[in-house]
Amino acid sequence: MHNSYVNEPKRVEFDNGLVMITKANTDFWQGTHYGFRRDDGHCLLTRLEGDFALSTQVSFTPKTQYDQCGLIVRLDAANWIKLSTEYEDETTSRLGSVVTNLGFSDWATQDIAPTIREIWYRISKRGADFLLESSLDGQQWQQMRVTHLHRPFATIEAGLYACSPLGEDFRCRFHWLTLADNKWFSEGA
C-alpha cells in the first residue's frame, strides 16, 4: 500500500497516532452556492480497488470557524466525498458530509455540541455507492447518508483529511486508520 499526501499539512507529528497541523486558509469545496472552488486542504491517501470499509477515530482541538477533519475518498478535484465534524463557534458544531460530483459540492449536516472533541468515522464502499457513518463511542454507528459518485472509476484514493478554511494551526489526531472488508449489504442480501 502506497500512501501520499495531497497538499501536505504544515506539520505532521506521531503522538499516539498521526497528528496533522493545518496550513492557513485550506479547504475542499467545488462550485455550488458559494461560487468558489477550493482544493488545497490536506489529505493522506492510499489508492484502493474493490469494495472496502475505511474507519478512524479522531480527536481535535478547533481554533477557528470551519476547522474540520475526518475521512475522504477522492477521484480528483471535481469528484470526492468527505466526512467530518466542522467547528462553527462556542455554541454549535456540525457533523457533516460533502459529496462532490462533476465539480459541484453538496453539504449535509447535523448540529452537534461543540464540546464533542472526539469521534469515529466510517466510509463503506460498494461499487460507486458509499455509506457514511459516525459514532461517539466506536460501538454504536449512525448512518449519515448513502451517496454515489457519478464519474466512472476502477480505483479510488481514500484516507484522512484536515483543513482550516479561515484559520491555521488546527491540530487533529487520527488515533488509527483501519481498512477492512465491506460489511455493508443491500436489504434482502
N, C-alpha and C. Protein backbone atom coordinates (compact mmCIF):
# COMPACT_ATOMS: atom_id res chain seq x y z
N MET A 1 0.85 -1.18 0.00
CA MET A 1 0.00 0.00 0.00
C MET A 1 0.89 1.24 0.00
N HIS A 2 0.68 2.12 -0.96
CA HIS A 2 1.48 3.35 -1.06
C HIS A 2 0.63 4.53 -0.61
N ASN A 3 1.14 5.28 0.37
CA ASN A 3 0.43 6.46 0.88
C ASN A 3 1.11 7.72 0.37
N SER A 4 0.32 8.73 0.05
CA SER A 4 0.88 10.00 -0.37
C SER A 4 -0.04 11.14 0.03
N TYR A 5 0.56 12.31 0.22
CA TYR A 5 -0.21 13.49 0.58
C TYR A 5 -0.71 14.20 -0.67
N VAL A 6 -1.90 14.74 -0.57
CA VAL A 6 -2.37 15.78 -1.47
C VAL A 6 -2.35 17.03 -0.60
N ASN A 7 -1.53 18.00 -0.94
CA ASN A 7 -1.39 19.23 -0.15
C ASN A 7 -0.91 18.92 1.27
N GLU A 8 0.37 18.69 1.40
CA GLU A 8 0.96 18.36 2.69
C GLU A 8 0.58 19.37 3.77
N PRO A 9 0.29 18.90 4.99
CA PRO A 9 -0.02 19.83 6.08
C PRO A 9 1.20 20.65 6.49
N LYS A 10 0.95 21.64 7.33
CA LYS A 10 2.03 22.49 7.83
C LYS A 10 3.04 21.65 8.60
N ARG A 11 2.50 20.71 9.40
CA ARG A 11 3.36 19.86 10.21
C ARG A 11 2.64 18.53 10.47
N VAL A 12 3.41 17.48 10.60
CA VAL A 12 2.90 16.16 10.97
C VAL A 12 3.71 15.67 12.15
N GLU A 13 3.02 15.09 13.13
CA GLU A 13 3.69 14.51 14.28
C GLU A 13 3.13 13.11 14.49
N PHE A 14 3.91 12.27 15.14
CA PHE A 14 3.44 10.95 15.51
C PHE A 14 3.41 10.89 17.03
N ASP A 15 2.20 10.97 17.60
CA ASP A 15 1.99 11.03 19.03
C ASP A 15 0.67 10.33 19.34
N ASN A 16 0.73 9.04 19.68
CA ASN A 16 -0.48 8.24 19.86
C ASN A 16 -1.36 8.32 18.62
N GLY A 17 -0.73 8.22 17.47
CA GLY A 17 -1.42 8.31 16.19
C GLY A 17 -0.76 9.36 15.32
N LEU A 18 -1.41 9.68 14.23
CA LEU A 18 -0.92 10.70 13.30
C LEU A 18 -1.57 12.03 13.62
N VAL A 19 -0.75 13.04 13.90
CA VAL A 19 -1.26 14.39 14.20
C VAL A 19 -0.98 15.28 12.99
N MET A 20 -2.05 15.93 12.49
CA MET A 20 -1.90 16.90 11.41
C MET A 20 -2.13 18.29 11.98
N ILE A 21 -1.28 19.23 11.57
CA ILE A 21 -1.45 20.64 11.90
C ILE A 21 -1.60 21.38 10.57
N THR A 22 -2.69 22.12 10.43
CA THR A 22 -3.06 22.68 9.13
C THR A 22 -2.32 23.96 8.77
N LYS A 23 -2.19 24.16 7.47
CA LYS A 23 -1.74 25.44 6.93
C LYS A 23 -2.93 26.39 6.91
N ALA A 24 -2.65 27.65 6.64
CA ALA A 24 -3.70 28.68 6.64
C ALA A 24 -4.60 28.58 5.42
N ASN A 25 -5.89 28.85 5.65
CA ASN A 25 -6.88 29.04 4.59
C ASN A 25 -6.91 27.87 3.61
N THR A 26 -7.12 26.67 4.14
CA THR A 26 -7.18 25.46 3.33
C THR A 26 -8.58 24.86 3.37
N ASP A 27 -9.03 24.29 2.26
CA ASP A 27 -10.40 23.78 2.20
C ASP A 27 -10.57 22.85 1.01
N PHE A 28 -11.65 22.08 1.04
CA PHE A 28 -12.14 21.32 -0.11
C PHE A 28 -13.58 21.74 -0.36
N TRP A 29 -13.85 22.30 -1.53
CA TRP A 29 -15.20 22.70 -1.91
C TRP A 29 -15.19 23.00 -3.40
N GLN A 30 -16.29 22.71 -4.08
CA GLN A 30 -16.38 22.99 -5.51
C GLN A 30 -17.73 23.61 -5.84
N GLY A 31 -17.70 24.82 -6.37
CA GLY A 31 -18.86 25.43 -7.00
C GLY A 31 -20.04 25.79 -6.13
N THR A 32 -20.99 24.90 -6.05
CA THR A 32 -22.33 25.10 -5.53
C THR A 32 -22.49 26.20 -4.47
N HIS A 33 -23.47 27.03 -4.66
CA HIS A 33 -23.96 28.05 -3.73
C HIS A 33 -22.94 29.15 -3.43
N TYR A 34 -21.79 28.79 -2.90
CA TYR A 34 -20.82 29.80 -2.51
C TYR A 34 -20.05 30.34 -3.71
N GLY A 35 -20.01 29.57 -4.79
CA GLY A 35 -19.38 30.03 -6.02
C GLY A 35 -17.88 29.85 -6.09
N PHE A 36 -17.21 29.57 -4.97
CA PHE A 36 -15.76 29.41 -5.02
C PHE A 36 -15.38 27.95 -5.18
N ARG A 37 -14.15 27.72 -5.59
CA ARG A 37 -13.60 26.38 -5.75
C ARG A 37 -12.29 26.30 -4.98
N ARG A 38 -12.21 25.30 -4.09
CA ARG A 38 -11.00 25.12 -3.28
C ARG A 38 -10.60 23.66 -3.31
N ASP A 39 -9.33 23.41 -3.49
CA ASP A 39 -8.81 22.05 -3.47
C ASP A 39 -7.42 22.06 -2.84
N ASP A 40 -7.30 22.75 -1.70
CA ASP A 40 -6.00 22.89 -1.06
C ASP A 40 -5.97 22.41 0.38
N GLY A 41 -7.01 21.66 0.81
CA GLY A 41 -6.98 21.01 2.11
C GLY A 41 -5.94 19.90 2.11
N HIS A 42 -5.65 19.36 3.28
CA HIS A 42 -4.62 18.34 3.43
C HIS A 42 -5.25 16.96 3.49
N CYS A 43 -4.70 16.01 2.74
CA CYS A 43 -5.14 14.63 2.91
C CYS A 43 -4.00 13.66 2.65
N LEU A 44 -4.01 12.59 3.43
CA LEU A 44 -3.08 11.49 3.29
C LEU A 44 -3.87 10.32 2.73
N LEU A 45 -3.53 9.90 1.50
CA LEU A 45 -4.36 8.96 0.76
C LEU A 45 -3.59 7.71 0.35
N THR A 46 -4.35 6.65 0.14
CA THR A 46 -3.84 5.44 -0.47
C THR A 46 -4.80 5.03 -1.58
N ARG A 47 -4.30 4.46 -2.65
CA ARG A 47 -5.13 4.03 -3.78
C ARG A 47 -5.69 2.65 -3.50
N LEU A 48 -7.01 2.49 -3.70
CA LEU A 48 -7.71 1.24 -3.40
C LEU A 48 -8.52 0.75 -4.60
N GLU A 49 -8.67 -0.56 -4.67
CA GLU A 49 -9.54 -1.19 -5.65
C GLU A 49 -10.62 -1.97 -4.90
N GLY A 50 -11.74 -2.17 -5.53
CA GLY A 50 -12.79 -3.00 -4.94
C GLY A 50 -13.53 -2.32 -3.81
N ASP A 51 -14.33 -3.11 -3.11
CA ASP A 51 -15.14 -2.59 -2.01
C ASP A 51 -14.35 -2.65 -0.72
N PHE A 52 -14.68 -1.75 0.21
CA PHE A 52 -13.94 -1.68 1.47
C PHE A 52 -14.75 -0.92 2.51
N ALA A 53 -14.27 -0.98 3.74
CA ALA A 53 -14.75 -0.15 4.85
C ALA A 53 -13.52 0.53 5.45
N LEU A 54 -13.51 1.85 5.44
CA LEU A 54 -12.40 2.63 5.97
C LEU A 54 -12.89 3.34 7.21
N SER A 55 -12.18 3.21 8.33
CA SER A 55 -12.63 3.85 9.57
C SER A 55 -11.46 4.44 10.33
N THR A 56 -11.79 5.43 11.17
CA THR A 56 -10.79 6.08 12.02
C THR A 56 -11.45 6.61 13.28
N GLN A 57 -10.63 6.88 14.27
CA GLN A 57 -11.03 7.61 15.47
C GLN A 57 -10.17 8.87 15.47
N VAL A 58 -10.79 10.02 15.63
CA VAL A 58 -10.05 11.28 15.59
C VAL A 58 -10.44 12.15 16.78
N SER A 59 -9.44 12.80 17.36
CA SER A 59 -9.68 13.82 18.38
C SER A 59 -9.10 15.12 17.85
N PHE A 60 -9.69 16.24 18.24
CA PHE A 60 -9.34 17.51 17.62
C PHE A 60 -9.55 18.67 18.57
N THR A 61 -8.82 19.74 18.31
CA THR A 61 -8.92 20.97 19.09
C THR A 61 -9.10 22.13 18.12
N PRO A 62 -10.35 22.45 17.76
CA PRO A 62 -10.56 23.53 16.80
C PRO A 62 -10.17 24.89 17.37
N LYS A 63 -9.69 25.74 16.47
CA LYS A 63 -9.29 27.10 16.86
C LYS A 63 -10.13 28.15 16.19
N THR A 64 -10.56 27.86 14.96
CA THR A 64 -11.21 28.86 14.11
C THR A 64 -12.44 28.25 13.45
N GLN A 65 -13.43 29.09 13.17
CA GLN A 65 -14.63 28.64 12.49
C GLN A 65 -14.27 27.82 11.25
N TYR A 66 -15.00 26.72 11.07
CA TYR A 66 -14.89 25.79 9.95
C TYR A 66 -13.70 24.83 10.02
N ASP A 67 -12.86 24.87 11.08
CA ASP A 67 -11.83 23.85 11.23
C ASP A 67 -12.51 22.49 11.16
N GLN A 68 -11.89 21.53 10.44
CA GLN A 68 -12.53 20.24 10.22
C GLN A 68 -11.50 19.15 9.95
N CYS A 69 -11.88 17.89 10.25
CA CYS A 69 -11.02 16.74 9.98
C CYS A 69 -11.87 15.49 9.94
N GLY A 70 -11.41 14.51 9.16
CA GLY A 70 -12.15 13.26 9.06
C GLY A 70 -11.62 12.38 7.96
N LEU A 71 -12.53 11.69 7.28
CA LEU A 71 -12.19 10.78 6.19
C LEU A 71 -12.56 11.39 4.85
N ILE A 72 -11.84 10.98 3.81
CA ILE A 72 -12.12 11.44 2.45
C ILE A 72 -11.87 10.30 1.48
N VAL A 73 -12.71 10.21 0.45
CA VAL A 73 -12.46 9.37 -0.72
C VAL A 73 -12.44 10.31 -1.91
N ARG A 74 -11.52 10.06 -2.85
CA ARG A 74 -11.26 11.08 -3.87
C ARG A 74 -10.85 10.45 -5.20
N LEU A 75 -11.50 10.92 -6.25
CA LEU A 75 -11.08 10.59 -7.61
C LEU A 75 -10.18 11.68 -8.16
N ASP A 76 -10.59 12.94 -7.96
CA ASP A 76 -9.85 14.11 -8.42
C ASP A 76 -10.49 15.33 -7.76
N ALA A 77 -10.07 16.53 -8.14
CA ALA A 77 -10.57 17.76 -7.52
C ALA A 77 -12.07 17.96 -7.71
N ALA A 78 -12.65 17.35 -8.74
CA ALA A 78 -14.06 17.56 -9.05
C ALA A 78 -14.97 16.42 -8.60
N ASN A 79 -14.40 15.36 -8.00
CA ASN A 79 -15.18 14.18 -7.63
C ASN A 79 -14.63 13.55 -6.35
N TRP A 80 -15.31 13.77 -5.23
CA TRP A 80 -14.83 13.27 -3.95
C TRP A 80 -15.94 13.34 -2.90
N ILE A 81 -15.68 12.69 -1.75
CA ILE A 81 -16.61 12.69 -0.61
C ILE A 81 -15.78 12.90 0.65
N LYS A 82 -16.23 13.81 1.52
CA LYS A 82 -15.57 13.97 2.81
C LYS A 82 -16.60 13.85 3.93
N LEU A 83 -16.14 13.35 5.07
CA LEU A 83 -16.98 13.08 6.24
C LEU A 83 -16.23 13.61 7.45
N SER A 84 -16.86 14.55 8.21
CA SER A 84 -16.11 15.20 9.28
C SER A 84 -17.04 15.93 10.26
N THR A 85 -16.42 16.50 11.27
CA THR A 85 -17.07 17.48 12.14
C THR A 85 -16.46 18.83 11.83
N GLU A 86 -17.32 19.82 11.63
CA GLU A 86 -16.86 21.16 11.31
C GLU A 86 -17.25 22.09 12.46
N TYR A 87 -16.25 22.75 13.02
CA TYR A 87 -16.47 23.65 14.14
C TYR A 87 -17.10 24.96 13.66
N GLU A 88 -18.16 25.39 14.32
CA GLU A 88 -18.80 26.67 13.98
C GLU A 88 -18.39 27.76 14.97
N ASP A 89 -18.79 27.56 16.23
CA ASP A 89 -18.49 28.54 17.27
C ASP A 89 -18.67 27.87 18.64
N GLU A 90 -18.70 28.63 19.69
CA GLU A 90 -18.79 28.06 21.04
C GLU A 90 -20.13 27.41 21.34
N THR A 91 -21.13 27.60 20.47
CA THR A 91 -22.45 27.02 20.72
C THR A 91 -22.80 25.87 19.78
N THR A 92 -22.13 25.76 18.63
CA THR A 92 -22.51 24.75 17.64
C THR A 92 -21.32 24.24 16.84
N SER A 93 -21.35 22.95 16.57
CA SER A 93 -20.50 22.34 15.55
C SER A 93 -21.41 21.56 14.64
N ARG A 94 -20.89 21.14 13.49
CA ARG A 94 -21.71 20.40 12.55
C ARG A 94 -21.04 19.09 12.16
N LEU A 95 -21.74 18.00 12.43
CA LEU A 95 -21.36 16.71 11.93
C LEU A 95 -21.87 16.68 10.50
N GLY A 96 -21.00 16.42 9.55
CA GLY A 96 -21.49 16.54 8.19
C GLY A 96 -20.68 15.81 7.15
N SER A 97 -21.20 15.91 5.94
CA SER A 97 -20.54 15.31 4.79
C SER A 97 -20.73 16.21 3.59
N VAL A 98 -19.74 16.17 2.72
CA VAL A 98 -19.82 16.86 1.44
C VAL A 98 -19.59 15.82 0.36
N VAL A 99 -20.48 15.79 -0.62
CA VAL A 99 -20.31 14.94 -1.79
C VAL A 99 -20.15 15.86 -2.98
N THR A 100 -19.08 15.65 -3.71
CA THR A 100 -18.77 16.48 -4.87
C THR A 100 -18.77 15.60 -6.11
N ASN A 101 -19.70 15.89 -7.01
CA ASN A 101 -19.83 15.17 -8.26
C ASN A 101 -19.70 16.14 -9.42
N LEU A 102 -18.79 15.84 -10.35
CA LEU A 102 -18.65 16.59 -11.60
C LEU A 102 -18.46 18.08 -11.34
N GLY A 103 -17.72 18.42 -10.26
CA GLY A 103 -17.37 19.79 -9.97
C GLY A 103 -18.37 20.58 -9.14
N PHE A 104 -19.38 19.90 -8.55
CA PHE A 104 -20.35 20.60 -7.71
C PHE A 104 -20.51 19.89 -6.38
N SER A 105 -20.37 20.64 -5.29
CA SER A 105 -20.45 20.08 -3.93
C SER A 105 -21.82 20.28 -3.32
N ASP A 106 -22.25 19.31 -2.53
CA ASP A 106 -23.41 19.50 -1.65
C ASP A 106 -22.92 19.37 -0.22
N TRP A 107 -23.75 19.75 0.73
CA TRP A 107 -23.35 19.72 2.13
C TRP A 107 -24.54 19.27 2.96
N ALA A 108 -24.42 18.14 3.65
CA ALA A 108 -25.46 17.62 4.53
C ALA A 108 -24.92 17.66 5.95
N THR A 109 -25.69 18.27 6.87
CA THR A 109 -25.18 18.46 8.24
C THR A 109 -26.21 18.10 9.30
N GLN A 110 -25.68 17.93 10.50
CA GLN A 110 -26.48 17.75 11.70
C GLN A 110 -25.76 18.51 12.80
N ASP A 111 -26.45 19.39 13.50
CA ASP A 111 -25.83 20.15 14.58
C ASP A 111 -25.48 19.22 15.75
N ILE A 112 -24.28 19.43 16.30
CA ILE A 112 -23.85 18.69 17.49
C ILE A 112 -23.20 19.69 18.45
N ALA A 113 -23.03 19.27 19.68
CA ALA A 113 -22.41 20.14 20.70
C ALA A 113 -20.95 20.40 20.34
N PRO A 114 -20.49 21.65 20.49
CA PRO A 114 -19.09 21.96 20.18
C PRO A 114 -18.12 21.37 21.20
N THR A 115 -18.64 20.80 22.29
CA THR A 115 -17.79 20.16 23.29
C THR A 115 -17.36 18.76 22.85
N ILE A 116 -17.99 18.22 21.80
CA ILE A 116 -17.57 16.92 21.27
C ILE A 116 -16.26 17.13 20.54
N ARG A 117 -15.22 16.52 21.05
CA ARG A 117 -13.87 16.70 20.50
C ARG A 117 -13.22 15.38 20.10
N GLU A 118 -14.03 14.30 20.09
CA GLU A 118 -13.54 13.00 19.66
C GLU A 118 -14.69 12.27 18.98
N ILE A 119 -14.42 11.65 17.82
CA ILE A 119 -15.48 10.98 17.07
C ILE A 119 -14.87 9.90 16.19
N TRP A 120 -15.65 8.91 15.84
CA TRP A 120 -15.27 7.84 14.95
C TRP A 120 -16.02 8.04 13.64
N TYR A 121 -15.36 7.75 12.52
CA TYR A 121 -15.98 7.84 11.20
C TYR A 121 -15.74 6.55 10.44
N ARG A 122 -16.71 6.20 9.57
CA ARG A 122 -16.54 5.05 8.70
C ARG A 122 -17.18 5.35 7.34
N ILE A 123 -16.43 5.04 6.28
CA ILE A 123 -16.96 5.10 4.92
C ILE A 123 -16.87 3.70 4.34
N SER A 124 -18.02 3.17 3.92
CA SER A 124 -18.06 1.85 3.29
C SER A 124 -18.39 2.03 1.82
N LYS A 125 -17.63 1.34 0.97
CA LYS A 125 -17.81 1.46 -0.48
C LYS A 125 -18.34 0.15 -1.05
N ARG A 126 -19.36 0.25 -1.90
CA ARG A 126 -19.87 -0.87 -2.69
C ARG A 126 -20.09 -0.37 -4.10
N GLY A 127 -19.22 -0.74 -5.01
CA GLY A 127 -19.30 -0.22 -6.38
C GLY A 127 -19.01 1.28 -6.35
N ALA A 128 -19.93 2.07 -6.90
CA ALA A 128 -19.80 3.53 -6.88
C ALA A 128 -20.67 4.15 -5.79
N ASP A 129 -21.22 3.31 -4.89
CA ASP A 129 -22.07 3.78 -3.80
C ASP A 129 -21.29 3.76 -2.48
N PHE A 130 -21.64 4.70 -1.60
CA PHE A 130 -20.91 4.86 -0.35
C PHE A 130 -21.88 5.06 0.80
N LEU A 131 -21.61 4.38 1.91
CA LEU A 131 -22.34 4.54 3.17
C LEU A 131 -21.43 5.32 4.11
N LEU A 132 -21.92 6.46 4.62
CA LEU A 132 -21.15 7.30 5.53
C LEU A 132 -21.77 7.19 6.91
N GLU A 133 -20.93 6.88 7.92
CA GLU A 133 -21.41 6.68 9.29
C GLU A 133 -20.50 7.38 10.28
N SER A 134 -21.06 7.66 11.46
CA SER A 134 -20.28 8.22 12.56
C SER A 134 -20.67 7.53 13.86
N SER A 135 -19.81 7.68 14.87
CA SER A 135 -20.06 7.09 16.17
C SER A 135 -19.39 7.95 17.23
N LEU A 136 -20.03 8.05 18.39
CA LEU A 136 -19.43 8.78 19.51
C LEU A 136 -18.65 7.86 20.44
N ASP A 137 -18.79 6.53 20.24
CA ASP A 137 -18.09 5.59 21.12
C ASP A 137 -17.38 4.46 20.38
N GLY A 138 -17.47 4.42 19.06
CA GLY A 138 -16.84 3.36 18.29
C GLY A 138 -17.62 2.06 18.29
N GLN A 139 -18.77 2.03 18.95
CA GLN A 139 -19.60 0.82 19.04
C GLN A 139 -20.95 1.00 18.32
N GLN A 140 -21.62 2.08 18.65
CA GLN A 140 -22.94 2.37 18.06
C GLN A 140 -22.75 3.33 16.89
N TRP A 141 -22.99 2.83 15.67
CA TRP A 141 -22.79 3.64 14.47
C TRP A 141 -24.12 4.18 13.98
N GLN A 142 -24.10 5.44 13.53
CA GLN A 142 -25.29 6.08 12.97
C GLN A 142 -25.04 6.42 11.51
N GLN A 143 -26.00 6.04 10.67
CA GLN A 143 -25.90 6.37 9.26
C GLN A 143 -26.08 7.87 9.07
N MET A 144 -25.19 8.47 8.32
CA MET A 144 -25.32 9.89 7.98
C MET A 144 -25.94 10.05 6.61
N ARG A 145 -25.52 9.18 5.67
CA ARG A 145 -26.10 9.23 4.34
C ARG A 145 -25.58 8.07 3.51
N VAL A 146 -26.30 7.79 2.44
CA VAL A 146 -25.86 6.90 1.37
C VAL A 146 -25.76 7.78 0.14
N THR A 147 -24.66 7.66 -0.62
CA THR A 147 -24.45 8.53 -1.76
C THR A 147 -23.72 7.78 -2.87
N HIS A 148 -23.46 8.48 -3.96
CA HIS A 148 -22.93 7.88 -5.18
C HIS A 148 -21.96 8.85 -5.84
N LEU A 149 -20.88 8.33 -6.41
CA LEU A 149 -20.01 9.13 -7.26
C LEU A 149 -20.36 8.82 -8.72
N HIS A 150 -20.59 9.87 -9.50
CA HIS A 150 -21.09 9.70 -10.86
C HIS A 150 -20.02 9.38 -11.89
N ARG A 151 -18.81 9.92 -11.73
CA ARG A 151 -17.76 9.66 -12.70
C ARG A 151 -17.29 8.21 -12.59
N PRO A 152 -17.26 7.45 -13.67
CA PRO A 152 -16.80 6.07 -13.60
C PRO A 152 -15.35 5.97 -13.13
N PHE A 153 -15.04 4.90 -12.38
CA PHE A 153 -13.68 4.71 -11.88
C PHE A 153 -13.42 3.24 -11.59
N ALA A 154 -12.15 2.85 -11.69
CA ALA A 154 -11.72 1.49 -11.34
C ALA A 154 -11.03 1.49 -9.98
N THR A 155 -10.29 2.57 -9.68
CA THR A 155 -9.63 2.72 -8.38
C THR A 155 -10.01 4.07 -7.80
N ILE A 156 -9.81 4.20 -6.50
CA ILE A 156 -10.12 5.46 -5.81
C ILE A 156 -9.08 5.66 -4.72
N GLU A 157 -8.78 6.91 -4.40
CA GLU A 157 -7.89 7.21 -3.28
C GLU A 157 -8.75 7.46 -2.05
N ALA A 158 -8.28 7.00 -0.89
CA ALA A 158 -9.04 7.14 0.35
C ALA A 158 -8.09 7.35 1.51
N GLY A 159 -8.55 8.11 2.52
CA GLY A 159 -7.72 8.32 3.69
C GLY A 159 -8.21 9.42 4.60
N LEU A 160 -7.26 10.10 5.22
CA LEU A 160 -7.50 11.10 6.26
C LEU A 160 -7.40 12.50 5.67
N TYR A 161 -8.20 13.43 6.22
CA TYR A 161 -8.07 14.81 5.74
C TYR A 161 -8.30 15.79 6.89
N ALA A 162 -7.76 17.00 6.71
CA ALA A 162 -7.97 18.11 7.64
C ALA A 162 -7.82 19.41 6.87
N CYS A 163 -8.53 20.45 7.31
CA CYS A 163 -8.36 21.77 6.72
C CYS A 163 -8.87 22.86 7.65
N SER A 164 -8.42 24.08 7.36
CA SER A 164 -8.78 25.28 8.12
C SER A 164 -9.16 26.39 7.13
N PRO A 165 -10.43 26.45 6.71
CA PRO A 165 -10.83 27.42 5.70
C PRO A 165 -10.57 28.88 6.08
N LEU A 166 -10.64 29.22 7.38
CA LEU A 166 -10.46 30.62 7.79
C LEU A 166 -9.27 30.85 8.70
N GLY A 167 -8.62 29.80 9.15
CA GLY A 167 -7.53 29.97 10.11
C GLY A 167 -6.33 29.13 9.72
N GLU A 168 -5.59 28.70 10.75
CA GLU A 168 -4.44 27.81 10.55
C GLU A 168 -4.10 27.18 11.89
N ASP A 169 -3.17 26.25 11.87
CA ASP A 169 -2.68 25.57 13.06
C ASP A 169 -3.76 24.78 13.80
N PHE A 170 -4.77 24.33 13.07
CA PHE A 170 -5.75 23.40 13.63
C PHE A 170 -5.04 22.07 13.82
N ARG A 171 -5.19 21.51 15.01
CA ARG A 171 -4.49 20.28 15.39
C ARG A 171 -5.50 19.14 15.56
N CYS A 172 -5.28 18.05 14.82
CA CYS A 172 -6.16 16.89 14.97
C CYS A 172 -5.32 15.62 15.01
N ARG A 173 -5.78 14.67 15.82
CA ARG A 173 -5.06 13.40 15.99
C ARG A 173 -5.92 12.26 15.48
N PHE A 174 -5.41 11.54 14.48
CA PHE A 174 -6.03 10.33 13.99
C PHE A 174 -5.39 9.18 14.76
N HIS A 175 -6.16 8.57 15.66
CA HIS A 175 -5.62 7.54 16.54
C HIS A 175 -5.23 6.29 15.77
N TRP A 176 -5.97 5.97 14.72
CA TRP A 176 -5.71 4.81 13.88
C TRP A 176 -6.51 4.95 12.60
N LEU A 177 -6.15 4.14 11.64
CA LEU A 177 -6.90 4.04 10.38
C LEU A 177 -7.00 2.57 10.05
N THR A 178 -8.22 2.10 9.83
CA THR A 178 -8.45 0.69 9.54
C THR A 178 -9.09 0.53 8.17
N LEU A 179 -8.52 -0.37 7.39
CA LEU A 179 -9.09 -0.75 6.11
C LEU A 179 -9.55 -2.19 6.25
N ALA A 180 -10.84 -2.44 6.03
CA ALA A 180 -11.40 -3.77 6.24
C ALA A 180 -12.35 -4.13 5.10
N ASP A 181 -12.81 -5.37 5.13
CA ASP A 181 -13.82 -5.79 4.17
C ASP A 181 -15.10 -5.00 4.43
N ASN A 182 -15.83 -4.73 3.37
CA ASN A 182 -17.08 -4.01 3.46
C ASN A 182 -18.14 -4.93 4.09
N LYS A 183 -18.77 -4.46 5.16
CA LYS A 183 -19.82 -5.21 5.82
C LYS A 183 -21.21 -4.66 5.47
N TRP A 184 -21.25 -3.70 4.55
CA TRP A 184 -22.50 -3.04 4.17
C TRP A 184 -23.13 -3.81 3.03
N PHE A 185 -24.31 -4.37 3.29
CA PHE A 185 -25.03 -5.16 2.29
C PHE A 185 -26.37 -4.51 2.01
N SER A 186 -26.89 -4.73 0.82
CA SER A 186 -28.20 -4.21 0.47
C SER A 186 -29.28 -4.99 1.22
N GLU A 187 -30.44 -4.39 1.40
CA GLU A 187 -31.55 -5.05 2.07
C GLU A 187 -31.90 -6.31 1.31
N GLY A 188 -32.12 -7.37 2.03
CA GLY A 188 -32.52 -8.63 1.42
C GLY A 188 -31.35 -9.46 0.92
N ALA A 189 -30.12 -8.92 1.02
CA ALA A 189 -28.97 -9.69 0.53
C ALA A 189 -28.46 -10.64 1.57
